[in-house]
Amino acid sequence: WSFKKYRVPELIQILKRQQLERLRSSLDTQTNKVRFACEDKCVILDFDVAANFRFRCPECGLIMEQKENCASDIKALKQQITRLEKEIR
């Protein structure tokens, strides 16, 4: 194993692109999917997964309810995406 200093910028770009894809996926989930969470917010699941658990939290067993999409969360995700896109260019 050896450290190749000349590859650091390339690896940073790869990590930023991966983070950008995760943020875009998260934004898609936040804006386009119905999500469910228990009162304690142990986990947040989309409709299909929540239905598989019969709308009971797999962590604590409480009944899960539909979670509203939070405008501030969506705005923050969009800002992070914009910032990363500028950094990658």
PDB file of N, CA and C in Angstrom:
ATOM      1  N   TRP A   1       0.849  -1.171   0.000  1.00  0.00           N
ATOM      2  CA  TRP A   1       0.000   0.000   0.000  1.00  0.00           C
ATOM      3  C   TRP A   1       0.885   1.220   0.000  1.00  0.00           C
ATOM      4  N   SER A   2       0.586   2.167  -0.863  1.00  0.00           N
ATOM      5  CA  SER A   2       1.370   3.403  -0.890  1.00  0.00           C
ATOM      6  C   SER A   2       0.441   4.589  -1.146  1.00  0.00           C
ATOM      7  N   PHE A   3       0.850   5.712  -0.627  1.00  0.00           N
ATOM      8  CA  PHE A   3       0.089   6.944  -0.772  1.00  0.00           C
ATOM      9  C   PHE A   3       0.543   7.651  -2.039  1.00  0.00           C
ATOM     10  N   LYS A   4      -0.389   7.894  -2.932  1.00  0.00           N
ATOM     11  CA  LYS A   4      -0.067   8.567  -4.189  1.00  0.00           C
ATOM     12  C   LYS A   4      -0.646   9.975  -4.136  1.00  0.00           C
ATOM     13  N   LYS A   5       0.189  10.882  -3.697  1.00  0.00           N
ATOM     14  CA  LYS A   5      -0.238  12.259  -3.463  1.00  0.00           C
ATOM     15  C   LYS A   5      -0.843  12.908  -4.710  1.00  0.00           C
ATOM     16  N   TYR A   6      -0.336  12.568  -5.864  1.00  0.00           N
ATOM     17  CA  TYR A   6      -0.819  13.181  -7.099  1.00  0.00           C
ATOM     18  C   TYR A   6      -2.279  12.815  -7.404  1.00  0.00           C
ATOM     19  N   ARG A   7      -2.808  11.756  -6.771  1.00  0.00           N
ATOM     20  CA  ARG A   7      -4.193  11.325  -7.021  1.00  0.00           C
ATOM     21  C   ARG A   7      -5.203  11.986  -6.080  1.00  0.00           C
ATOM     22  N   VAL A   8      -4.731  12.718  -5.088  1.00  0.00           N
ATOM     23  CA  VAL A   8      -5.628  13.309  -4.092  1.00  0.00           C
ATOM     24  C   VAL A   8      -6.713  14.187  -4.736  1.00  0.00           C
ATOM     25  N   PRO A   9      -6.386  15.122  -5.615  1.00  0.00           N
ATOM     26  CA  PRO A   9      -7.449  15.948  -6.218  1.00  0.00           C
ATOM     27  C   PRO A   9      -8.498  15.110  -6.965  1.00  0.00           C
ATOM     28  N   GLU A  10      -8.038  14.098  -7.677  1.00  0.00           N
ATOM     29  CA  GLU A  10      -8.956  13.218  -8.407  1.00  0.00           C
ATOM     30  C   GLU A  10      -9.893  12.485  -7.442  1.00  0.00           C
ATOM     31  N   LEU A  11      -9.350  11.986  -6.359  1.00  0.00           N
ATOM     32  CA  LEU A  11     -10.151  11.258  -5.376  1.00  0.00           C
ATOM     33  C   LEU A  11     -11.151  12.178  -4.674  1.00  0.00           C
ATOM     34  N   ILE A  12     -10.745  13.403  -4.416  1.00  0.00           N
ATOM     35  CA  ILE A  12     -11.663  14.376  -3.812  1.00  0.00           C
ATOM     36  C   ILE A  12     -12.838  14.631  -4.754  1.00  0.00           C
ATOM     37  N   GLN A  13     -12.559  14.764  -6.048  1.00  0.00           N
ATOM     38  CA  GLN A  13     -13.630  14.968  -7.031  1.00  0.00           C
ATOM     39  C   GLN A  13     -14.585  13.771  -7.070  1.00  0.00           C
ATOM     40  N   ILE A  14     -14.038  12.571  -6.997  1.00  0.00           N
ATOM     41  CA  ILE A  14     -14.868  11.358  -6.988  1.00  0.00           C
ATOM     42  C   ILE A  14     -15.773  11.356  -5.765  1.00  0.00           C
ATOM     43  N   LEU A  15     -15.219  11.686  -4.610  1.00  0.00           N
ATOM     44  CA  LEU A  15     -16.017  11.722  -3.381  1.00  0.00           C
ATOM     45  C   LEU A  15     -17.110  12.787  -3.459  1.00  0.00           C
ATOM     46  N   LYS A  16     -16.788  13.931  -4.030  1.00  0.00           N
ATOM     47  CA  LYS A  16     -17.785  14.998  -4.171  1.00  0.00           C
ATOM     48  C   LYS A  16     -18.906  14.577  -5.115  1.00  0.00           C
ATOM     49  N   ARG A  17     -18.567  13.888  -6.204  1.00  0.00           N
ATOM     50  CA  ARG A  17     -19.604  13.408  -7.132  1.00  0.00           C
ATOM     51  C   ARG A  17     -20.510  12.383  -6.454  1.00  0.00           C
ATOM     52  N   GLN A  18     -19.910  11.510  -5.655  1.00  0.00           N
ATOM     53  CA  GLN A  18     -20.706  10.518  -4.927  1.00  0.00           C
ATOM     54  C   GLN A  18     -21.642  11.203  -3.932  1.00  0.00           C
ATOM     55  N   GLN A  19     -21.128  12.203  -3.233  1.00  0.00           N
ATOM     56  CA  GLN A  19     -21.954  12.944  -2.282  1.00  0.00           C
ATOM     57  C   GLN A  19     -23.087  13.668  -3.015  1.00  0.00           C
ATOM     58  N   LEU A  20     -22.784  14.222  -4.182  1.00  0.00           N
ATOM     59  CA  LEU A  20     -23.791  14.915  -4.982  1.00  0.00           C
ATOM     60  C   LEU A  20     -24.915  13.957  -5.388  1.00  0.00           C
ATOM     61  N   GLU A  21     -24.563  12.750  -5.791  1.00  0.00           N
ATOM     62  CA  GLU A  21     -25.584  11.759  -6.158  1.00  0.00           C
ATOM     63  C   GLU A  21     -26.454  11.390  -4.960  1.00  0.00           C
ATOM     64  N   ARG A  22     -25.844  11.248  -3.787  1.00  0.00           N
ATOM     65  CA  ARG A  22     -26.617  10.945  -2.576  1.00  0.00           C
ATOM     66  C   ARG A  22     -27.575  12.089  -2.246  1.00  0.00           C
ATOM     67  N   LEU A  23     -27.099  13.324  -2.385  1.00  0.00           N
ATOM     68  CA  LEU A  23     -27.954  14.482  -2.114  1.00  0.00           C
ATOM     69  C   LEU A  23     -29.115  14.561  -3.104  1.00  0.00           C
ATOM     70  N   ARG A  24     -28.841  14.295  -4.378  1.00  0.00           N
ATOM     71  CA  ARG A  24     -29.906  14.314  -5.386  1.00  0.00           C
ATOM     72  C   ARG A  24     -30.942  13.227  -5.108  1.00  0.00           C
ATOM     73  N   SER A  25     -30.461  12.065  -4.713  1.00  0.00           N
ATOM     74  CA  SER A  25     -31.371  10.970  -4.371  1.00  0.00           C
ATOM     75  C   SER A  25     -32.229  11.341  -3.166  1.00  0.00           C
ATOM     76  N   SER A  26     -31.601  11.954  -2.179  1.00  0.00           N
ATOM     77  CA  SER A  26     -32.325  12.382  -0.987  1.00  0.00           C
ATOM     78  C   SER A  26     -33.366  13.446  -1.337  1.00  0.00           C
ATOM     79  N   LEU A  27     -33.011  14.373  -2.203  1.00  0.00           N
ATOM     80  CA  LEU A  27     -33.954  15.409  -2.639  1.00  0.00           C
ATOM     81  C   LEU A  27     -35.134  14.777  -3.369  1.00  0.00           C
ATOM     82  N   ASP A  28     -34.859  13.809  -4.222  1.00  0.00           N
ATOM     83  CA  ASP A  28     -35.924  13.107  -4.936  1.00  0.00           C
ATOM     84  C   ASP A  28     -36.866  12.427  -3.949  1.00  0.00           C
ATOM     85  N   THR A  29     -36.301  11.780  -2.955  1.00  0.00           N
ATOM     86  CA  THR A  29     -37.110  11.108  -1.939  1.00  0.00           C
ATOM     87  C   THR A  29     -37.943  12.119  -1.164  1.00  0.00           C
ATOM     88  N   GLN A  30     -37.323  13.227  -0.782  1.00  0.00           N
ATOM     89  CA  GLN A  30     -38.022  14.256   0.001  1.00  0.00           C
ATOM     90  C   GLN A  30     -39.192  14.859  -0.770  1.00  0.00           C
ATOM     91  N   THR A  31     -39.029  15.027  -2.078  1.00  0.00           N
ATOM     92  CA  THR A  31     -40.051  15.737  -2.843  1.00  0.00           C
ATOM     93  C   THR A  31     -41.074  14.826  -3.517  1.00  0.00           C
ATOM     94  N   ASN A  32     -40.713  13.577  -3.801  1.00  0.00           N
ATOM     95  CA  ASN A  32     -41.586  12.739  -4.625  1.00  0.00           C
ATOM     96  C   ASN A  32     -42.163  11.501  -3.948  1.00  0.00           C
ATOM     97  N   LYS A  33     -41.754  11.200  -2.756  1.00  0.00           N
ATOM     98  CA  LYS A  33     -42.220   9.968  -2.127  1.00  0.00           C
ATOM     99  C   LYS A  33     -42.927  10.255  -0.807  1.00  0.00           C
ATOM    100  N   VAL A  34     -43.896   9.407  -0.513  1.00  0.00           N
ATOM    101  CA  VAL A  34     -44.586   9.483   0.770  1.00  0.00           C
ATOM    102  C   VAL A  34     -43.715   8.745   1.777  1.00  0.00           C
ATOM    103  N   ARG A  35     -43.430   9.408   2.895  1.00  0.00           N
ATOM    104  CA  ARG A  35     -42.547   8.816   3.899  1.00  0.00           C
ATOM    105  C   ARG A  35     -43.283   8.673   5.215  1.00  0.00           C
ATOM    106  N   PHE A  36     -42.838   7.704   5.995  1.00  0.00           N
ATOM    107  CA  PHE A  36     -43.469   7.412   7.277  1.00  0.00           C
ATOM    108  C   PHE A  36     -42.415   7.349   8.368  1.00  0.00           C
ATOM    109  N   ALA A  37     -42.802   7.807   9.566  1.00  0.00           N
ATOM    110  CA  ALA A  37     -41.908   7.767  10.725  1.00  0.00           C
ATOM    111  C   ALA A  37     -42.741   7.537  11.975  1.00  0.00           C
ATOM    112  N   CYS A  38     -42.117   6.935  12.978  1.00  0.00           N
ATOM    113  CA  CYS A  38     -42.795   6.779  14.266  1.00  0.00           C
ATOM    114  C   CYS A  38     -42.655   8.094  15.042  1.00  0.00           C
ATOM    115  N   GLU A  39     -43.301   8.164  16.172  1.00  0.00           N
ATOM    116  CA  GLU A  39     -43.259   9.369  16.999  1.00  0.00           C
ATOM    117  C   GLU A  39     -41.830   9.710  17.422  1.00  0.00           C
ATOM    118  N   ASP A  40     -41.016   8.674  17.680  1.00  0.00           N
ATOM    119  CA  ASP A  40     -39.632   8.886  18.114  1.00  0.00           C
ATOM    120  C   ASP A  40     -38.670   9.120  16.951  1.00  0.00           C
ATOM    121  N   LYS A  41     -39.168   8.969  15.721  1.00  0.00           N
ATOM    122  CA  LYS A  41     -38.364   9.143  14.501  1.00  0.00           C
ATOM    123  C   LYS A  41     -37.135   8.233  14.487  1.00  0.00           C
ATOM    124  N   CYS A  42     -37.337   6.985  14.908  1.00  0.00           N
ATOM    125  CA  CYS A  42     -36.248   5.995  14.887  1.00  0.00           C
ATOM    126  C   CYS A  42     -35.729   5.804  13.465  1.00  0.00           C
ATOM    127  N   VAL A  43     -36.665   5.627  12.537  1.00  0.00           N
ATOM    128  CA  VAL A  43     -36.335   5.470  11.119  1.00  0.00           C
ATOM    129  C   VAL A  43     -37.401   6.190  10.302  1.00  0.00           C
ATOM    130  N   ILE A  44     -37.028   6.544   9.078  1.00  0.00           N
ATOM    131  CA  ILE A  44     -37.979   7.123   8.132  1.00  0.00           C
ATOM    132  C   ILE A  44     -38.006   6.186   6.930  1.00  0.00           C
ATOM    133  N   LEU A  45     -39.205   5.698   6.590  1.00  0.00           N
ATOM    134  CA  LEU A  45     -39.348   4.701   5.534  1.00  0.00           C
ATOM    135  C   LEU A  45     -40.308   5.193   4.463  1.00  0.00           C
ATOM    136  N   ASP A  46     -40.088   4.731   3.217  1.00  0.00           N
ATOM    137  CA  ASP A  46     -41.058   5.060   2.179  1.00  0.00           C
ATOM    138  C   ASP A  46     -42.273   4.149   2.328  1.00  0.00           C
ATOM    139  N   PHE A  47     -43.295   4.412   1.539  1.00  0.00           N
ATOM    140  CA  PHE A  47     -44.573   3.718   1.704  1.00  0.00           C
ATOM    141  C   PHE A  47     -44.431   2.202   1.620  1.00  0.00           C
ATOM    142  N   ASP A  48     -43.727   1.712   0.600  1.00  0.00           N
ATOM    143  CA  ASP A  48     -43.619   0.265   0.397  1.00  0.00           C
ATOM    144  C   ASP A  48     -42.967  -0.435   1.580  1.00  0.00           C
ATOM    145  N   VAL A  49     -41.887   0.118   2.078  1.00  0.00           N
ATOM    146  CA  VAL A  49     -41.186  -0.505   3.206  1.00  0.00           C
ATOM    147  C   VAL A  49     -42.034  -0.413   4.469  1.00  0.00           C
ATOM    148  N   ALA A  50     -42.648   0.750   4.685  1.00  0.00           N
ATOM    149  CA  ALA A  50     -43.511   0.911   5.864  1.00  0.00           C
ATOM    150  C   ALA A  50     -44.674  -0.080   5.814  1.00  0.00           C
ATOM    151  N   ALA A  51     -45.243  -0.280   4.625  1.00  0.00           N
ATOM    152  CA  ALA A  51     -46.344  -1.239   4.479  1.00  0.00           C
ATOM    153  C   ALA A  51     -45.879  -2.655   4.805  1.00  0.00           C
ATOM    154  N   ASN A  52     -44.658  -2.997   4.400  1.00  0.00           N
ATOM    155  CA  ASN A  52     -44.115  -4.325   4.717  1.00  0.00           C
ATOM    156  C   ASN A  52     -44.021  -4.547   6.221  1.00  0.00           C
ATOM    157  N   PHE A  53     -43.794  -3.494   6.959  1.00  0.00           N
ATOM    158  CA  PHE A  53     -43.726  -3.585   8.423  1.00  0.00           C
ATOM    159  C   PHE A  53     -45.094  -3.326   9.058  1.00  0.00           C
ATOM    160  N   ARG A  54     -46.139  -3.282   8.220  1.00  0.00           N
ATOM    161  CA  ARG A  54     -47.511  -3.017   8.677  1.00  0.00           C
ATOM    162  C   ARG A  54     -47.608  -1.684   9.428  1.00  0.00           C
ATOM    163  N   PHE A  55     -46.828  -0.727   8.959  1.00  0.00           N
ATOM    164  CA  PHE A  55     -46.806   0.628   9.501  1.00  0.00           C
ATOM    165  C   PHE A  55     -46.468   0.656  10.989  1.00  0.00           C
ATOM    166  N   ARG A  56     -45.617  -0.279  11.390  1.00  0.00           N
ATOM    167  CA  ARG A  56     -45.063  -0.289  12.749  1.00  0.00           C
ATOM    168  C   ARG A  56     -43.557  -0.119  12.624  1.00  0.00           C
ATOM    169  N   CYS A  57     -43.001   0.721  13.477  1.00  0.00           N
ATOM    170  CA  CYS A  57     -41.568   0.990  13.442  1.00  0.00           C
ATOM    171  C   CYS A  57     -40.795  -0.304  13.711  1.00  0.00           C
ATOM    172  N   PRO A  58     -39.850  -0.656  12.841  1.00  0.00           N
ATOM    173  CA  PRO A  58     -39.067  -1.872  13.061  1.00  0.00           C
ATOM    174  C   PRO A  58     -38.113  -1.751  14.254  1.00  0.00           C
ATOM    175  N   GLU A  59     -37.871  -0.537  14.715  1.00  0.00           N
ATOM    176  CA  GLU A  59     -36.961  -0.323  15.845  1.00  0.00           C
ATOM    177  C   GLU A  59     -37.677  -0.380  17.191  1.00  0.00           C
ATOM    178  N   CYS A  60     -38.789   0.367  17.306  1.00  0.00           N
ATOM    179  CA  CYS A  60     -39.444   0.486  18.617  1.00  0.00           C
ATOM    180  C   CYS A  60     -40.857  -0.099  18.666  1.00  0.00           C
ATOM    181  N   GLY A  61     -41.442  -0.401  17.504  1.00  0.00           N
ATOM    182  CA  GLY A  61     -42.767  -1.003  17.472  1.00  0.00           C
ATOM    183  C   GLY A  61     -43.928  -0.022  17.483  1.00  0.00           C
ATOM    184  N   LEU A  62     -43.652   1.278  17.584  1.00  0.00           N
ATOM    185  CA  LEU A  62     -44.728   2.274  17.560  1.00  0.00           C
ATOM    186  C   LEU A  62     -45.335   2.366  16.160  1.00  0.00           C
ATOM    187  N   ILE A  63     -46.576   2.823  16.097  1.00  0.00           N
ATOM    188  CA  ILE A  63     -47.246   2.998  14.813  1.00  0.00           C
ATOM    189  C   ILE A  63     -46.591   4.163  14.071  1.00  0.00           C
ATOM    190  N   MET A  64     -46.372   3.955  12.776  1.00  0.00           N
ATOM    191  CA  MET A  64     -45.760   4.983  11.942  1.00  0.00           C
ATOM    192  C   MET A  64     -46.851   5.825  11.294  1.00  0.00           C
ATOM    193  N   GLU A  65     -46.577   7.120  11.162  1.00  0.00           N
ATOM    194  CA  GLU A  65     -47.507   8.047  10.529  1.00  0.00           C
ATOM    195  C   GLU A  65     -46.811   8.740   9.368  1.00  0.00           C
ATOM    196  N   GLN A  66     -47.625   9.227   8.437  1.00  0.00           N
ATOM    197  CA  GLN A  66     -47.063   9.912   7.285  1.00  0.00           C
ATOM    198  C   GLN A  66     -46.310  11.152   7.739  1.00  0.00           C
ATOM    199  N   LYS A  67     -45.132  11.348   7.172  1.00  0.00           N
ATOM    200  CA  LYS A  67     -44.277  12.479   7.522  1.00  0.00           C
ATOM    201  C   LYS A  67     -44.394  13.522   6.414  1.00  0.00           C
ATOM    202  N   GLU A  68     -44.676  14.731   6.799  1.00  0.00           N
ATOM    203  CA  GLU A  68     -44.787  15.820   5.830  1.00  0.00           C
ATOM    204  C   GLU A  68     -43.404  16.190   5.299  1.00  0.00           C
ATOM    205  N   ASN A  69     -43.356  16.574   4.023  1.00  0.00           N
ATOM    206  CA  ASN A  69     -42.107  17.055   3.452  1.00  0.00           C
ATOM    207  C   ASN A  69     -41.831  18.443   4.012  1.00  0.00           C
ATOM    208  N   CYS A  70     -40.672  18.614   4.577  1.00  0.00           N
ATOM    209  CA  CYS A  70     -40.299  19.863   5.229  1.00  0.00           C
ATOM    210  C   CYS A  70     -39.631  20.797   4.214  1.00  0.00           C
ATOM    211  N   ALA A  71     -40.222  21.948   4.003  1.00  0.00           N
ATOM    212  CA  ALA A  71     -39.703  22.905   3.022  1.00  0.00           C
ATOM    213  C   ALA A  71     -38.283  23.337   3.359  1.00  0.00           C
ATOM    214  N   SER A  72     -37.967  23.488   4.638  1.00  0.00           N
ATOM    215  CA  SER A  72     -36.612  23.920   5.011  1.00  0.00           C
ATOM    216  C   SER A  72     -35.586  22.830   4.703  1.00  0.00           C
ATOM    217  N   ASP A  73     -35.970  21.555   4.866  1.00  0.00           N
ATOM    218  CA  ASP A  73     -35.061  20.453   4.519  1.00  0.00           C
ATOM    219  C   ASP A  73     -34.796  20.431   3.017  1.00  0.00           C
ATOM    220  N   ILE A  74     -35.853  20.624   2.237  1.00  0.00           N
ATOM    221  CA  ILE A  74     -35.721  20.623   0.779  1.00  0.00           C
ATOM    222  C   ILE A  74     -34.849  21.789   0.329  1.00  0.00           C
ATOM    223  N   LYS A  75     -35.057  22.951   0.924  1.00  0.00           N
ATOM    224  CA  LYS A  75     -34.252  24.131   0.577  1.00  0.00           C
ATOM    225  C   LYS A  75     -32.781  23.892   0.912  1.00  0.00           C
ATOM    226  N   ALA A  76     -32.512  23.309   2.073  1.00  0.00           N
ATOM    227  CA  ALA A  76     -31.131  23.031   2.484  1.00  0.00           C
ATOM    228  C   ALA A  76     -30.470  22.039   1.529  1.00  0.00           C
ATOM    229  N   LEU A  77     -31.205  21.012   1.117  1.00  0.00           N
ATOM    230  CA  LEU A  77     -30.659  20.044   0.164  1.00  0.00           C
ATOM    231  C   LEU A  77     -30.323  20.717  -1.161  1.00  0.00           C
ATOM    232  N   LYS A  78     -31.211  21.576  -1.648  1.00  0.00           N
ATOM    233  CA  LYS A  78     -30.963  22.277  -2.907  1.00  0.00           C
ATOM    234  C   LYS A  78     -29.727  23.169  -2.806  1.00  0.00           C
ATOM    235  N   GLN A  79     -29.546  23.818  -1.663  1.00  0.00           N
ATOM    236  CA  GLN A  79     -28.370  24.668  -1.466  1.00  0.00           C
ATOM    237  C   GLN A  79     -27.090  23.830  -1.452  1.00  0.00           C
ATOM    238  N   GLN A  80     -27.132  22.690  -0.787  1.00  0.00           N
ATOM    239  CA  GLN A  80     -25.961  21.811  -0.751  1.00  0.00           C
ATOM    240  C   GLN A  80     -25.627  21.300  -2.150  1.00  0.00           C
ATOM    241  N   ILE A  81     -26.655  20.956  -2.920  1.00  0.00           N
ATOM    242  CA  ILE A  81     -26.445  20.476  -4.287  1.00  0.00           C
ATOM    243  C   ILE A  81     -25.809  21.572  -5.135  1.00  0.00           C
ATOM    244  N   THR A  82     -26.323  22.784  -5.039  1.00  0.00           N
ATOM    245  CA  THR A  82     -25.779  23.910  -5.806  1.00  0.00           C
ATOM    246  C   THR A  82     -24.318  24.163  -5.441  1.00  0.00           C
ATOM    247  N   ARG A  83     -24.019  24.144  -4.143  1.00  0.00           N
ATOM    248  CA  ARG A  83     -22.645  24.378  -3.690  1.00  0.00           C
ATOM    249  C   ARG A  83     -21.697  23.310  -4.235  1.00  0.00           C
ATOM    250  N   LEU A  84     -22.109  22.049  -4.150  1.00  0.00           N
ATOM    251  CA  LEU A  84     -21.257  20.961  -4.632  1.00  0.00           C
ATOM    252  C   LEU A  84     -21.074  21.018  -6.144  1.00  0.00           C
ATOM    253  N   GLU A  85     -22.130  21.358  -6.867  1.00  0.00           N
ATOM    254  CA  GLU A  85     -22.018  21.464  -8.325  1.00  0.00           C
ATOM    255  C   GLU A  85     -20.992  22.526  -8.707  1.00  0.00           C
ATOM    256  N   LYS A  86     -20.978  23.643  -7.985  1.00  0.00           N
ATOM    257  CA  LYS A  86     -19.995  24.699  -8.251  1.00  0.00           C
ATOM    258  C   LYS A  86     -18.579  24.223  -7.943  1.00  0.00           C
ATOM    259  N   GLU A  87     -18.427  23.468  -6.854  1.00  0.00           N
ATOM    260  CA  GLU A  87     -17.106  22.966  -6.469  1.00  0.00           C
ATOM    261  C   GLU A  87     -16.568  21.965  -7.485  1.00  0.00           C
ATOM    262  N   ILE A  88     -17.447  21.176  -8.064  1.00  0.00           N
ATOM    263  CA  ILE A  88     -17.019  20.133  -8.998  1.00  0.00           C
ATOM    264  C   ILE A  88     -16.577  20.729 -10.330  1.00  0.00           C
ATOM    265  N   ARG A  89     -17.177  21.837 -10.737  1.00  0.00           N
ATOM    266  CA  ARG A  89     -16.824  22.459 -12.025  1.00  0.00           C
ATOM    267  C   ARG A  89     -15.421  22.903 -12.094  1.00  0.00           C
TER     268      ARG A  89
END
